[in-house]
Amino acid sequence: MHAVFGGGPYGEDAGRCIPGPPAPVTMTASLPDSGAFVYRPVTVGSWSDPDDPIAFYDDAGPVPPPPLSELEKSWLDRRVGQ
């Protein structure tokens, strides 16, 4: 799939190929002077073909919630079953 980046090291790189779909939750770019720049997805859509999605990433994108533990999943399953 393809991605557009808002700022950061990939800011000028519209249409960069990235793994997916689905769009990765984070994309990390190595900085030349050491360290890393983390992108987070803001939205995923398509310009023309729904089977070829395009992700828009920004350094200030929403932080995804942490994954549920197995115990938390069992609690939710019990709540749904009641």
C-alpha atoms as a PDB file:
ATOM      1  CA  MET A   1       0.000   0.000   0.000  1.00  0.00           C
ATOM      2  CA  HIS A   2       1.031   3.645  -0.229  1.00  0.00           C
ATOM      3  CA  ALA A   3       1.415   6.384   2.361  1.00  0.00           C
ATOM      4  CA  VAL A   4       1.572  10.173   2.567  1.00  0.00           C
ATOM      5  CA  PHE A   5       3.525  11.682   5.461  1.00  0.00           C
ATOM      6  CA  GLY A   6       2.868  15.017   7.170  1.00  0.00           C
ATOM      7  CA  GLY A   7       6.317  16.376   8.057  1.00  0.00           C
ATOM      8  CA  GLY A   8       9.326  14.557   9.464  1.00  0.00           C
ATOM      9  CA  PRO A   9      11.978  12.755   7.420  1.00  0.00           C
ATOM     10  CA  TYR A  10       9.423  11.349   4.936  1.00  0.00           C
ATOM     11  CA  GLY A  11       7.486  14.642   4.610  1.00  0.00           C
ATOM     12  CA  GLU A  12       8.421  15.161   0.947  1.00  0.00           C
ATOM     13  CA  ASP A  13       7.964  11.497   0.045  1.00  0.00           C
ATOM     14  CA  ALA A  14       4.334  11.283  -1.160  1.00  0.00           C
ATOM     15  CA  GLY A  15       3.249   7.821  -2.178  1.00  0.00           C
ATOM     16  CA  ARG A  16       5.986   5.840  -0.393  1.00  0.00           C
ATOM     17  CA  CYS A  17       5.274   2.099  -0.452  1.00  0.00           C
ATOM     18  CA  ILE A  18       4.731   0.628   3.003  1.00  0.00           C
ATOM     19  CA  PRO A  19       3.699  -2.829   4.271  1.00  0.00           C
ATOM     20  CA  GLY A  20      -0.029  -3.496   4.357  1.00  0.00           C
ATOM     21  CA  PRO A  21      -2.963  -3.419   4.209  1.00  0.00           C
ATOM     22  CA  PRO A  22      -3.923  -2.955   6.950  1.00  0.00           C
ATOM     23  CA  ALA A  23      -1.839   0.154   7.576  1.00  0.00           C
ATOM     24  CA  PRO A  24       0.840  -0.343  10.250  1.00  0.00           C
ATOM     25  CA  VAL A  25       0.009   1.235  13.629  1.00  0.00           C
ATOM     26  CA  THR A  26       3.354   3.042  13.655  1.00  0.00           C
ATOM     27  CA  MET A  27       6.060   3.782  11.108  1.00  0.00           C
ATOM     28  CA  THR A  28       9.561   4.543  12.387  1.00  0.00           C
ATOM     29  CA  ALA A  29      12.117   6.490  10.362  1.00  0.00           C
ATOM     30  CA  SER A  30      15.757   6.546  11.434  1.00  0.00           C
ATOM     31  CA  LEU A  31      17.191  10.036  11.772  1.00  0.00           C
ATOM     32  CA  PRO A  32      20.628  10.730  10.236  1.00  0.00           C
ATOM     33  CA  ASP A  33      22.083  12.046  13.515  1.00  0.00           C
ATOM     34  CA  SER A  34      20.770   9.034  15.521  1.00  0.00           C
ATOM     35  CA  GLY A  35      17.399   8.479  17.065  1.00  0.00           C
ATOM     36  CA  ALA A  36      14.100   7.794  15.378  1.00  0.00           C
ATOM     37  CA  PHE A  37      11.013   9.650  14.203  1.00  0.00           C
ATOM     38  CA  VAL A  38       7.717   7.842  14.836  1.00  0.00           C
ATOM     39  CA  TYR A  39       4.692   8.367  12.604  1.00  0.00           C
ATOM     40  CA  ARG A  40       1.168   7.354  13.589  1.00  0.00           C
ATOM     41  CA  PRO A  41      -1.750   6.905  11.139  1.00  0.00           C
ATOM     42  CA  VAL A  42      -4.326   9.691  11.023  1.00  0.00           C
ATOM     43  CA  THR A  43      -6.606   8.263   8.362  1.00  0.00           C
ATOM     44  CA  VAL A  44      -6.701   5.532   5.733  1.00  0.00           C
ATOM     45  CA  GLY A  45      -8.694   5.921   2.537  1.00  0.00           C
ATOM     46  CA  SER A  46      -8.511   5.635  -1.210  1.00  0.00           C
ATOM     47  CA  TRP A  47      -8.217   8.148  -4.024  1.00  0.00           C
ATOM     48  CA  SER A  48      -9.781   5.862  -6.574  1.00  0.00           C
ATOM     49  CA  ASP A  49      -9.692   2.164  -5.667  1.00  0.00           C
ATOM     50  CA  PRO A  50     -10.904   0.826  -2.288  1.00  0.00           C
ATOM     51  CA  ASP A  51      -8.673  -2.228  -2.782  1.00  0.00           C
ATOM     52  CA  ASP A  52      -5.584   0.028  -2.925  1.00  0.00           C
ATOM     53  CA  PRO A  53      -5.768   2.085   0.291  1.00  0.00           C
ATOM     54  CA  ILE A  54      -3.571   5.082   1.032  1.00  0.00           C
ATOM     55  CA  ALA A  55      -2.596   5.888   4.622  1.00  0.00           C
ATOM     56  CA  PHE A  56      -1.908   9.411   5.847  1.00  0.00           C
ATOM     57  CA  TYR A  57       0.632   9.481   8.671  1.00  0.00           C
ATOM     58  CA  ASP A  58       1.580  12.356  10.953  1.00  0.00           C
ATOM     59  CA  ASP A  59       3.918  12.652  13.898  1.00  0.00           C
ATOM     60  CA  ALA A  60       0.987  13.981  15.934  1.00  0.00           C
ATOM     61  CA  GLY A  61      -1.478  11.276  14.968  1.00  0.00           C
ATOM     62  CA  PRO A  62      -3.645   9.536  17.540  1.00  0.00           C
ATOM     63  CA  VAL A  63      -1.930   7.103  19.874  1.00  0.00           C
ATOM     64  CA  PRO A  64      -3.543   3.687  19.520  1.00  0.00           C
ATOM     65  CA  PRO A  65      -4.905   2.083  22.675  1.00  0.00           C
ATOM     66  CA  PRO A  66      -2.720  -0.661  24.116  1.00  0.00           C
ATOM     67  CA  PRO A  67      -3.795  -4.197  23.206  1.00  0.00           C
ATOM     68  CA  LEU A  68      -6.037  -6.005  25.681  1.00  0.00           C
ATOM     69  CA  SER A  69      -4.546  -8.725  27.831  1.00  0.00           C
ATOM     70  CA  GLU A  70      -6.084 -12.191  27.794  1.00  0.00           C
ATOM     71  CA  LEU A  71      -7.621 -11.482  31.225  1.00  0.00           C
ATOM     72  CA  GLU A  72      -9.244  -8.247  29.991  1.00  0.00           C
ATOM     73  CA  LYS A  73     -10.604 -10.069  26.930  1.00  0.00           C
ATOM     74  CA  SER A  74     -12.177 -12.731  29.175  1.00  0.00           C
ATOM     75  CA  TRP A  75     -13.811  -9.998  31.294  1.00  0.00           C
ATOM     76  CA  LEU A  76     -15.308  -8.427  28.189  1.00  0.00           C
ATOM     77  CA  ASP A  77     -16.522 -11.812  26.950  1.00  0.00           C
ATOM     78  CA  ARG A  78     -18.254 -12.446  30.265  1.00  0.00           C
ATOM     79  CA  ARG A  79     -19.900  -9.010  30.193  1.00  0.00           C
ATOM     80  CA  VAL A  80     -21.230  -9.615  26.656  1.00  0.00           C
ATOM     81  CA  GLY A  81     -22.590 -13.048  27.669  1.00  0.00           C
ATOM     82  CA  GLN A  82     -24.702 -11.623  30.516  1.00  0.00           C
END
